[in-house]
Amino acid sequence: MYVYILRCSDGTYYTGVTNNIERRLQEHKSERHNSYVSARLPFELFYYEEFNSPLIAIEREKQIKGWSRAKKEALKYRDFDKLKILSKNRKAKQHHIVYP
């Protein structure tokens, strides 16, 4: 199972879970119905994690969906110190972190 984050063309993030990331990315690209991602094409795969357990993957997806943009960016760049700070300090969540 995979938890993934997409960065959409409007700069927003979409977090999802799937058992086949390549297939799911193709589905996002080819969706013909109105969906969050299809309305914001193109997108890029921003981040993903792999899990052995579907239940753990779903819990992780829920956790990440509740995170601020700054925390998602810190996760991508594996800035674990910044993640700790952002987790402890709600005001820090309001500040945007600039990564390369």
PDB file of N, CA and C in Angstrom:
ATOM      1  N   MET A   1       0.842  -1.184   0.000  1.00  0.00           N
ATOM      2  CA  MET A   1       0.000   0.000   0.000  1.00  0.00           C
ATOM      3  C   MET A   1       0.882   1.242   0.000  1.00  0.00           C
ATOM      4  N   TYR A   2       0.383   2.262  -0.641  1.00  0.00           N
ATOM      5  CA  TYR A   2       1.107   3.520  -0.740  1.00  0.00           C
ATOM      6  C   TYR A   2       0.235   4.674  -0.261  1.00  0.00           C
ATOM      7  N   VAL A   3       0.855   5.595   0.430  1.00  0.00           N
ATOM      8  CA  VAL A   3       0.262   6.894   0.716  1.00  0.00           C
ATOM      9  C   VAL A   3       1.049   7.876  -0.131  1.00  0.00           C
ATOM     10  N   TYR A   4       0.340   8.760  -0.828  1.00  0.00           N
ATOM     11  CA  TYR A   4       1.024   9.660  -1.733  1.00  0.00           C
ATOM     12  C   TYR A   4       0.455  11.065  -1.625  1.00  0.00           C
ATOM     13  N   ILE A   5       1.283  12.022  -1.990  1.00  0.00           N
ATOM     14  CA  ILE A   5       0.874  13.420  -2.054  1.00  0.00           C
ATOM     15  C   ILE A   5       1.176  13.913  -3.463  1.00  0.00           C
ATOM     16  N   LEU A   6       0.176  14.522  -4.085  1.00  0.00           N
ATOM     17  CA  LEU A   6       0.347  15.146  -5.388  1.00  0.00           C
ATOM     18  C   LEU A   6       0.339  16.656  -5.218  1.00  0.00           C
ATOM     19  N   ARG A   7       1.188  17.332  -5.967  1.00  0.00           N
ATOM     20  CA  ARG A   7       1.116  18.796  -6.024  1.00  0.00           C
ATOM     21  C   ARG A   7       0.407  19.127  -7.328  1.00  0.00           C
ATOM     22  N   CYS A   8      -0.752  19.748  -7.207  1.00  0.00           N
ATOM     23  CA  CYS A   8      -1.567  20.076  -8.378  1.00  0.00           C
ATOM     24  C   CYS A   8      -1.101  21.379  -9.013  1.00  0.00           C
ATOM     25  N   SER A   9      -1.584  21.637 -10.218  1.00  0.00           N
ATOM     26  CA  SER A   9      -1.146  22.805 -10.983  1.00  0.00           C
ATOM     27  C   SER A   9      -1.443  24.124 -10.279  1.00  0.00           C
ATOM     28  N   ASP A  10      -2.439  24.139  -9.399  1.00  0.00           N
ATOM     29  CA  ASP A  10      -2.755  25.373  -8.673  1.00  0.00           C
ATOM     30  C   ASP A  10      -1.964  25.503  -7.376  1.00  0.00           C
ATOM     31  N   GLY A  11      -1.024  24.561  -7.150  1.00  0.00           N
ATOM     32  CA  GLY A  11      -0.176  24.619  -5.965  1.00  0.00           C
ATOM     33  C   GLY A  11      -0.741  23.907  -4.749  1.00  0.00           C
ATOM     34  N   THR A  12      -1.953  23.392  -4.850  1.00  0.00           N
ATOM     35  CA  THR A  12      -2.540  22.660  -3.725  1.00  0.00           C
ATOM     36  C   THR A  12      -2.025  21.230  -3.692  1.00  0.00           C
ATOM     37  N   TYR A  13      -2.221  20.591  -2.562  1.00  0.00           N
ATOM     38  CA  TYR A  13      -1.793  19.208  -2.382  1.00  0.00           C
ATOM     39  C   TYR A  13      -3.004  18.287  -2.259  1.00  0.00           C
ATOM     40  N   TYR A  14      -2.863  17.111  -2.840  1.00  0.00           N
ATOM     41  CA  TYR A  14      -3.877  16.060  -2.729  1.00  0.00           C
ATOM     42  C   TYR A  14      -3.188  14.850  -2.126  1.00  0.00           C
ATOM     43  N   THR A  15      -3.755  14.300  -1.068  1.00  0.00           N
ATOM     44  CA  THR A  15      -3.193  13.118  -0.409  1.00  0.00           C
ATOM     45  C   THR A  15      -4.136  11.943  -0.624  1.00  0.00           C
ATOM     46  N   GLY A  16      -3.577  10.801  -1.014  1.00  0.00           N
ATOM     47  CA  GLY A  16      -4.386   9.615  -1.259  1.00  0.00           C
ATOM     48  C   GLY A  16      -3.669   8.347  -0.842  1.00  0.00           C
ATOM     49  N   VAL A  17      -4.387   7.233  -0.957  1.00  0.00           N
ATOM     50  CA  VAL A  17      -3.841   5.920  -0.630  1.00  0.00           C
ATOM     51  C   VAL A  17      -4.230   4.958  -1.752  1.00  0.00           C
ATOM     52  N   THR A  18      -3.336   4.035  -2.089  1.00  0.00           N
ATOM     53  CA  THR A  18      -3.591   3.080  -3.167  1.00  0.00           C
ATOM     54  C   THR A  18      -2.726   1.845  -2.980  1.00  0.00           C
ATOM     55  N   ASN A  19      -3.128   0.759  -3.614  1.00  0.00           N
ATOM     56  CA  ASN A  19      -2.288  -0.440  -3.589  1.00  0.00           C
ATOM     57  C   ASN A  19      -1.400  -0.529  -4.834  1.00  0.00           C
ATOM     58  N   ASN A  20      -1.616   0.369  -5.794  1.00  0.00           N
ATOM     59  CA  ASN A  20      -0.811   0.383  -7.021  1.00  0.00           C
ATOM     60  C   ASN A  20      -0.611   1.844  -7.435  1.00  0.00           C
ATOM     61  N   ILE A  21       0.520   2.399  -7.083  1.00  0.00           N
ATOM     62  CA  ILE A  21       0.724   3.837  -7.296  1.00  0.00           C
ATOM     63  C   ILE A  21       0.811   4.203  -8.776  1.00  0.00           C
ATOM     64  N   GLU A  22       1.440   3.371  -9.587  1.00  0.00           N
ATOM     65  CA  GLU A  22       1.541   3.683 -11.019  1.00  0.00           C
ATOM     66  C   GLU A  22       0.165   3.720 -11.665  1.00  0.00           C
ATOM     67  N   ARG A  23      -0.664   2.722 -11.351  1.00  0.00           N
ATOM     68  CA  ARG A  23      -2.020   2.686 -11.900  1.00  0.00           C
ATOM     69  C   ARG A  23      -2.823   3.896 -11.432  1.00  0.00           C
ATOM     70  N   ARG A  24      -2.711   4.232 -10.150  1.00  0.00           N
ATOM     71  CA  ARG A  24      -3.485   5.345  -9.598  1.00  0.00           C
ATOM     72  C   ARG A  24      -3.075   6.676 -10.217  1.00  0.00           C
ATOM     73  N   LEU A  25      -1.788   6.864 -10.457  1.00  0.00           N
ATOM     74  CA  LEU A  25      -1.352   8.100 -11.097  1.00  0.00           C
ATOM     75  C   LEU A  25      -1.923   8.204 -12.508  1.00  0.00           C
ATOM     76  N   GLN A  26      -1.945   7.089 -13.226  1.00  0.00           N
ATOM     77  CA  GLN A  26      -2.548   7.086 -14.569  1.00  0.00           C
ATOM     78  C   GLN A  26      -4.036   7.401 -14.496  1.00  0.00           C
ATOM     79  N   GLU A  27      -4.709   6.866 -13.478  1.00  0.00           N
ATOM     80  CA  GLU A  27      -6.137   7.164 -13.308  1.00  0.00           C
ATOM     81  C   GLU A  27      -6.347   8.655 -13.065  1.00  0.00           C
ATOM     82  N   HIS A  28      -5.512   9.247 -12.232  1.00  0.00           N
ATOM     83  CA  HIS A  28      -5.635  10.689 -11.993  1.00  0.00           C
ATOM     84  C   HIS A  28      -5.444  11.467 -13.289  1.00  0.00           C
ATOM     85  N   LYS A  29      -4.503  11.052 -14.104  1.00  0.00           N
ATOM     86  CA  LYS A  29      -4.229  11.755 -15.361  1.00  0.00           C
ATOM     87  C   LYS A  29      -5.367  11.602 -16.361  1.00  0.00           C
ATOM     88  N   SER A  30      -6.073  10.473 -16.322  1.00  0.00           N
ATOM     89  CA  SER A  30      -7.073  10.191 -17.342  1.00  0.00           C
ATOM     90  C   SER A  30      -8.512  10.317 -16.852  1.00  0.00           C
ATOM     91  N   GLU A  31      -8.707  10.744 -15.628  1.00  0.00           N
ATOM     92  CA  GLU A  31     -10.078  10.840 -15.120  1.00  0.00           C
ATOM     93  C   GLU A  31     -10.890  11.820 -15.958  1.00  0.00           C
ATOM     94  N   ARG A  32     -12.058  11.385 -16.349  1.00  0.00           N
ATOM     95  CA  ARG A  32     -12.918  12.234 -17.184  1.00  0.00           C
ATOM     96  C   ARG A  32     -14.042  12.860 -16.378  1.00  0.00           C
ATOM     97  N   HIS A  33     -14.267  12.357 -15.182  1.00  0.00           N
ATOM     98  CA  HIS A  33     -15.298  12.949 -14.339  1.00  0.00           C
ATOM     99  C   HIS A  33     -14.678  14.068 -13.497  1.00  0.00           C
ATOM    100  N   ASN A  34     -15.510  14.886 -12.928  1.00  0.00           N
ATOM    101  CA  ASN A  34     -15.016  15.982 -12.106  1.00  0.00           C
ATOM    102  C   ASN A  34     -14.471  15.439 -10.796  1.00  0.00           C
ATOM    103  N   SER A  35     -13.217  15.649 -10.587  1.00  0.00           N
ATOM    104  CA  SER A  35     -12.591  15.271  -9.322  1.00  0.00           C
ATOM    105  C   SER A  35     -11.606  16.362  -8.946  1.00  0.00           C
ATOM    106  N   TYR A  36     -11.138  16.325  -7.723  1.00  0.00           N
ATOM    107  CA  TYR A  36     -10.210  17.341  -7.251  1.00  0.00           C
ATOM    108  C   TYR A  36      -8.989  17.431  -8.156  1.00  0.00           C
ATOM    109  N   VAL A  37      -8.367  16.293  -8.430  1.00  0.00           N
ATOM    110  CA  VAL A  37      -7.135  16.290  -9.212  1.00  0.00           C
ATOM    111  C   VAL A  37      -7.403  16.606 -10.683  1.00  0.00           C
ATOM    112  N   SER A  38      -8.425  16.011 -11.258  1.00  0.00           N
ATOM    113  CA  SER A  38      -8.672  16.229 -12.689  1.00  0.00           C
ATOM    114  C   SER A  38      -8.992  17.686 -13.000  1.00  0.00           C
ATOM    115  N   ALA A  39      -9.485  18.416 -12.021  1.00  0.00           N
ATOM    116  CA  ALA A  39      -9.768  19.839 -12.212  1.00  0.00           C
ATOM    117  C   ALA A  39      -8.507  20.689 -12.060  1.00  0.00           C
ATOM    118  N   ARG A  40      -7.397  20.055 -11.661  1.00  0.00           N
ATOM    119  CA  ARG A  40      -6.167  20.798 -11.394  1.00  0.00           C
ATOM    120  C   ARG A  40      -4.955  20.187 -12.095  1.00  0.00           C
ATOM    121  N   LEU A  41      -5.174  19.625 -13.270  1.00  0.00           N
ATOM    122  CA  LEU A  41      -4.080  19.044 -14.039  1.00  0.00           C
ATOM    123  C   LEU A  41      -3.207  20.133 -14.624  1.00  0.00           C
ATOM    124  N   PRO A  42      -1.949  19.910 -14.865  1.00  0.00           N
ATOM    125  CA  PRO A  42      -1.220  18.691 -14.519  1.00  0.00           C
ATOM    126  C   PRO A  42      -0.824  18.694 -13.045  1.00  0.00           C
ATOM    127  N   PHE A  43      -0.341  17.544 -12.598  1.00  0.00           N
ATOM    128  CA  PHE A  43       0.121  17.404 -11.225  1.00  0.00           C
ATOM    129  C   PHE A  43       1.480  16.731 -11.238  1.00  0.00           C
ATOM    130  N   GLU A  44       2.144  16.772 -10.104  1.00  0.00           N
ATOM    131  CA  GLU A  44       3.392  16.019  -9.948  1.00  0.00           C
ATOM    132  C   GLU A  44       3.296  15.186  -8.682  1.00  0.00           C
ATOM    133  N   LEU A  45       3.933  14.025  -8.723  1.00  0.00           N
ATOM    134  CA  LEU A  45       4.019  13.205  -7.514  1.00  0.00           C
ATOM    135  C   LEU A  45       4.998  13.913  -6.588  1.00  0.00           C
ATOM    136  N   PHE A  46       4.487  14.396  -5.484  1.00  0.00           N
ATOM    137  CA  PHE A  46       5.260  15.210  -4.548  1.00  0.00           C
ATOM    138  C   PHE A  46       5.983  14.338  -3.533  1.00  0.00           C
ATOM    139  N   TYR A  47       5.304  13.248  -3.070  1.00  0.00           N
ATOM    140  CA  TYR A  47       5.856  12.414  -2.001  1.00  0.00           C
ATOM    141  C   TYR A  47       5.067  11.113  -1.958  1.00  0.00           C
ATOM    142  N   TYR A  48       5.730  10.035  -1.539  1.00  0.00           N
ATOM    143  CA  TYR A  48       4.993   8.798  -1.261  1.00  0.00           C
ATOM    144  C   TYR A  48       5.744   7.964  -0.231  1.00  0.00           C
ATOM    145  N   GLU A  49       4.980   7.118   0.446  1.00  0.00           N
ATOM    146  CA  GLU A  49       5.503   6.140   1.402  1.00  0.00           C
ATOM    147  C   GLU A  49       4.861   4.799   1.088  1.00  0.00           C
ATOM    148  N   GLU A  50       5.577   3.727   1.353  1.00  0.00           N
ATOM    149  CA  GLU A  50       5.049   2.380   1.125  1.00  0.00           C
ATOM    150  C   GLU A  50       4.816   1.685   2.460  1.00  0.00           C
ATOM    151  N   PHE A  51       3.710   0.947   2.553  1.00  0.00           N
ATOM    152  CA  PHE A  51       3.333   0.236   3.779  1.00  0.00           C
ATOM    153  C   PHE A  51       2.960  -1.202   3.452  1.00  0.00           C
ATOM    154  N   ASN A  52       3.211  -2.092   4.407  1.00  0.00           N
ATOM    155  CA  ASN A  52       2.798  -3.487   4.264  1.00  0.00           C
ATOM    156  C   ASN A  52       1.343  -3.689   4.664  1.00  0.00           C
ATOM    157  N   SER A  53       0.848  -2.845   5.539  1.00  0.00           N
ATOM    158  CA  SER A  53      -0.502  -2.991   6.072  1.00  0.00           C
ATOM    159  C   SER A  53      -1.437  -1.924   5.509  1.00  0.00           C
ATOM    160  N   PRO A  54      -2.565  -2.324   4.919  1.00  0.00           N
ATOM    161  CA  PRO A  54      -3.546  -1.342   4.454  1.00  0.00           C
ATOM    162  C   PRO A  54      -4.079  -0.464   5.581  1.00  0.00           C
ATOM    163  N   LEU A  55      -4.289  -1.031   6.750  1.00  0.00           N
ATOM    164  CA  LEU A  55      -4.819  -0.253   7.869  1.00  0.00           C
ATOM    165  C   LEU A  55      -3.851   0.837   8.311  1.00  0.00           C
ATOM    166  N   ILE A  56      -2.575   0.508   8.346  1.00  0.00           N
ATOM    167  CA  ILE A  56      -1.570   1.510   8.722  1.00  0.00           C
ATOM    168  C   ILE A  56      -1.485   2.586   7.647  1.00  0.00           C
ATOM    169  N   ALA A  57      -1.556   2.186   6.383  1.00  0.00           N
ATOM    170  CA  ALA A  57      -1.513   3.162   5.291  1.00  0.00           C
ATOM    171  C   ALA A  57      -2.690   4.125   5.373  1.00  0.00           C
ATOM    172  N   ILE A  58      -3.874   3.608   5.649  1.00  0.00           N
ATOM    173  CA  ILE A  58      -5.068   4.459   5.757  1.00  0.00           C
ATOM    174  C   ILE A  58      -4.944   5.416   6.933  1.00  0.00           C
ATOM    175  N   GLU A  59      -4.423   4.939   8.042  1.00  0.00           N
ATOM    176  CA  GLU A  59      -4.214   5.818   9.200  1.00  0.00           C
ATOM    177  C   GLU A  59      -3.203   6.913   8.874  1.00  0.00           C
ATOM    178  N   ARG A  60      -2.151   6.562   8.164  1.00  0.00           N
ATOM    179  CA  ARG A  60      -1.136   7.548   7.789  1.00  0.00           C
ATOM    180  C   ARG A  60      -1.728   8.584   6.833  1.00  0.00           C
ATOM    181  N   GLU A  61      -2.548   8.133   5.887  1.00  0.00           N
ATOM    182  CA  GLU A  61      -3.201   9.062   4.971  1.00  0.00           C
ATOM    183  C   GLU A  61      -4.042  10.074   5.753  1.00  0.00           C
ATOM    184  N   LYS A  62      -4.818   9.593   6.700  1.00  0.00           N
ATOM    185  CA  LYS A  62      -5.649  10.477   7.520  1.00  0.00           C
ATOM    186  C   LYS A  62      -4.793  11.470   8.288  1.00  0.00           C
ATOM    187  N   GLN A  63      -3.676  10.983   8.828  1.00  0.00           N
ATOM    188  CA  GLN A  63      -2.778  11.852   9.580  1.00  0.00           C
ATOM    189  C   GLN A  63      -2.246  12.973   8.687  1.00  0.00           C
ATOM    190  N   ILE A  64      -1.723  12.602   7.527  1.00  0.00           N
ATOM    191  CA  ILE A  64      -1.130  13.592   6.624  1.00  0.00           C
ATOM    192  C   ILE A  64      -2.178  14.578   6.117  1.00  0.00           C
ATOM    193  N   LYS A  65      -3.388  14.099   5.844  1.00  0.00           N
ATOM    194  CA  LYS A  65      -4.452  14.996   5.369  1.00  0.00           C
ATOM    195  C   LYS A  65      -4.728  16.104   6.376  1.00  0.00           C
ATOM    196  N   GLY A  66      -4.511  15.844   7.643  1.00  0.00           N
ATOM    197  CA  GLY A  66      -4.741  16.846   8.668  1.00  0.00           C
ATOM    198  C   GLY A  66      -3.588  17.805   8.874  1.00  0.00           C
ATOM    199  N   TRP A  67      -2.510  17.591   8.185  1.00  0.00           N
ATOM    200  CA  TRP A  67      -1.314  18.411   8.355  1.00  0.00           C
ATOM    201  C   TRP A  67      -1.389  19.700   7.551  1.00  0.00           C
ATOM    202  N   SER A  68      -0.626  20.668   8.020  1.00  0.00           N
ATOM    203  CA  SER A  68      -0.481  21.929   7.298  1.00  0.00           C
ATOM    204  C   SER A  68       0.394  21.718   6.060  1.00  0.00           C
ATOM    205  N   ARG A  69       0.351  22.684   5.193  1.00  0.00           N
ATOM    206  CA  ARG A  69       1.214  22.669   4.010  1.00  0.00           C
ATOM    207  C   ARG A  69       2.683  22.609   4.424  1.00  0.00           C
ATOM    208  N   ALA A  70       3.039  23.369   5.454  1.00  0.00           N
ATOM    209  CA  ALA A  70       4.427  23.402   5.929  1.00  0.00           C
ATOM    210  C   ALA A  70       4.885  22.024   6.398  1.00  0.00           C
ATOM    211  N   LYS A  71       4.013  21.292   7.090  1.00  0.00           N
ATOM    212  CA  LYS A  71       4.392  19.956   7.548  1.00  0.00           C
ATOM    213  C   LYS A  71       4.568  18.999   6.375  1.00  0.00           C
ATOM    214  N   LYS A  72       3.705  19.105   5.369  1.00  0.00           N
ATOM    215  CA  LYS A  72       3.829  18.244   4.189  1.00  0.00           C
ATOM    216  C   LYS A  72       5.142  18.524   3.459  1.00  0.00           C
ATOM    217  N   GLU A  73       5.508  19.780   3.381  1.00  0.00           N
ATOM    218  CA  GLU A  73       6.765  20.123   2.715  1.00  0.00           C
ATOM    219  C   GLU A  73       7.960  19.643   3.533  1.00  0.00           C
ATOM    220  N   ALA A  74       7.892  19.775   4.844  1.00  0.00           N
ATOM    221  CA  ALA A  74       8.971  19.268   5.700  1.00  0.00           C
ATOM    222  C   ALA A  74       9.094  17.756   5.554  1.00  0.00           C
ATOM    223  N   LEU A  75       7.966  17.054   5.424  1.00  0.00           N
ATOM    224  CA  LEU A  75       7.980  15.609   5.231  1.00  0.00           C
ATOM    225  C   LEU A  75       8.688  15.255   3.933  1.00  0.00           C
ATOM    226  N   LYS A  76       8.348  15.937   2.857  1.00  0.00           N
ATOM    227  CA  LYS A  76       8.970  15.640   1.561  1.00  0.00           C
ATOM    228  C   LYS A  76      10.487  15.766   1.649  1.00  0.00           C
ATOM    229  N   TYR A  77      10.948  16.823   2.294  1.00  0.00           N
ATOM    230  CA  TYR A  77      12.380  17.074   2.362  1.00  0.00           C
ATOM    231  C   TYR A  77      13.030  16.415   3.573  1.00  0.00           C
ATOM    232  N   ARG A  78      12.269  15.549   4.230  1.00  0.00           N
ATOM    233  CA  ARG A  78      12.757  14.778   5.375  1.00  0.00           C
ATOM    234  C   ARG A  78      13.406  15.679   6.425  1.00  0.00           C
ATOM    235  N   ASP A  79      12.788  16.820   6.618  1.00  0.00           N
ATOM    236  CA  ASP A  79      13.249  17.783   7.620  1.00  0.00           C
ATOM    237  C   ASP A  79      12.541  17.448   8.939  1.00  0.00           C
ATOM    238  N   PHE A  80      13.034  16.408   9.600  1.00  0.00           N
ATOM    239  CA  PHE A  80      12.368  15.886  10.785  1.00  0.00           C
ATOM    240  C   PHE A  80      12.443  16.856  11.961  1.00  0.00           C
ATOM    241  N   ASP A  81      13.484  17.673  12.012  1.00  0.00           N
ATOM    242  CA  ASP A  81      13.554  18.701  13.051  1.00  0.00           C
ATOM    243  C   ASP A  81      12.416  19.703  12.877  1.00  0.00           C
ATOM    244  N   LYS A  82      12.187  20.137  11.638  1.00  0.00           N
ATOM    245  CA  LYS A  82      11.104  21.083  11.366  1.00  0.00           C
ATOM    246  C   LYS A  82       9.745  20.435  11.638  1.00  0.00           C
ATOM    247  N   LEU A  83       9.594  19.150  11.324  1.00  0.00           N
ATOM    248  CA  LEU A  83       8.342  18.458  11.619  1.00  0.00           C
ATOM    249  C   LEU A  83       8.050  18.478  13.113  1.00  0.00           C
ATOM    250  N   LYS A  84       9.068  18.249  13.923  1.00  0.00           N
ATOM    251  CA  LYS A  84       8.878  18.285  15.375  1.00  0.00           C
ATOM    252  C   LYS A  84       8.444  19.664  15.837  1.00  0.00           C
ATOM    253  N   ILE A  85       9.095  20.687  15.316  1.00  0.00           N
ATOM    254  CA  ILE A  85       8.753  22.059  15.694  1.00  0.00           C
ATOM    255  C   ILE A  85       7.317  22.373  15.289  1.00  0.00           C
ATOM    256  N   LEU A  86       6.964  22.015  14.066  1.00  0.00           N
ATOM    257  CA  LEU A  86       5.616  22.290  13.574  1.00  0.00           C
ATOM    258  C   LEU A  86       4.556  21.512  14.350  1.00  0.00           C
ATOM    259  N   SER A  87       4.904  20.333  14.830  1.00  0.00           N
ATOM    260  CA  SER A  87       3.967  19.527  15.599  1.00  0.00           C
ATOM    261  C   SER A  87       3.714  20.112  16.984  1.00  0.00           C
ATOM    262  N   LYS A  88       4.711  20.763  17.532  1.00  0.00           N
ATOM    263  CA  LYS A  88       4.607  21.300  18.890  1.00  0.00           C
ATOM    264  C   LYS A  88       4.065  22.716  18.925  1.00  0.00           C
ATOM    265  N   ASN A  89       4.253  23.469  17.873  1.00  0.00           N
ATOM    266  CA  ASN A  89       3.953  24.880  17.896  1.00  0.00           C
ATOM    267  C   ASN A  89       2.944  25.229  16.809  1.00  0.00           C
ATOM    268  N   ARG A  90       1.697  25.478  17.199  1.00  0.00           N
ATOM    269  CA  ARG A  90       0.658  25.795  16.216  1.00  0.00           C
ATOM    270  C   ARG A  90       0.965  27.056  15.427  1.00  0.00           C
ATOM    271  N   LYS A  91       1.570  28.057  16.048  1.00  0.00           N
ATOM    272  CA  LYS A  91       1.896  29.287  15.320  1.00  0.00           C
ATOM    273  C   LYS A  91       2.931  29.021  14.237  1.00  0.00           C
ATOM    274  N   ALA A  92       3.834  28.102  14.481  1.00  0.00           N
ATOM    275  CA  ALA A  92       4.855  27.786  13.475  1.00  0.00           C
ATOM    276  C   ALA A  92       4.209  27.199  12.232  1.00  0.00           C
ATOM    277  N   LYS A  93       3.052  26.561  12.362  1.00  0.00           N
ATOM    278  CA  LYS A  93       2.363  25.973  11.215  1.00  0.00           C
ATOM    279  C   LYS A  93       1.916  27.041  10.223  1.00  0.00           C
ATOM    280  N   GLN A  94       1.761  28.267  10.699  1.00  0.00           N
ATOM    281  CA  GLN A  94       1.293  29.330   9.824  1.00  0.00           C
ATOM    282  C   GLN A  94       2.401  29.863   8.932  1.00  0.00           C
ATOM    283  N   HIS A  95       3.655  29.594   9.268  1.00  0.00           N
ATOM    284  CA  HIS A  95       4.772  30.108   8.505  1.00  0.00           C
ATOM    285  C   HIS A  95       5.140  29.137   7.393  1.00  0.00           C
ATOM    286  N   HIS A  96       5.256  29.671   6.207  1.00  0.00           N
ATOM    287  CA  HIS A  96       5.610  28.837   5.053  1.00  0.00           C
ATOM    288  C   HIS A  96       7.117  28.623   5.024  1.00  0.00           C
ATOM    289  N   ILE A  97       7.521  27.404   4.820  1.00  0.00           N
ATOM    290  CA  ILE A  97       8.943  27.055   4.725  1.00  0.00           C
ATOM    291  C   ILE A  97       9.288  26.973   3.251  1.00  0.00           C
ATOM    292  N   VAL A  98      10.372  27.563   2.860  1.00  0.00           N
ATOM    293  CA  VAL A  98      10.759  27.523   1.453  1.00  0.00           C
ATOM    294  C   VAL A  98      11.871  26.490   1.287  1.00  0.00           C
ATOM    295  N   TYR A  99      11.568  25.469   0.494  1.00  0.00           N
ATOM    296  CA  TYR A  99      12.551  24.435   0.156  1.00  0.00           C
ATOM    297  C   TYR A  99      12.886  24.583  -1.322  1.00  0.00           C
ATOM    298  N   PRO A 100      14.002  24.022  -1.719  1.00  0.00           N
ATOM    299  CA  PRO A 100      14.387  24.130  -3.141  1.00  0.00           C
ATOM    300  C   PRO A 100      13.359  23.525  -4.071  1.00  0.00           C
TER     301      PRO A 100
END
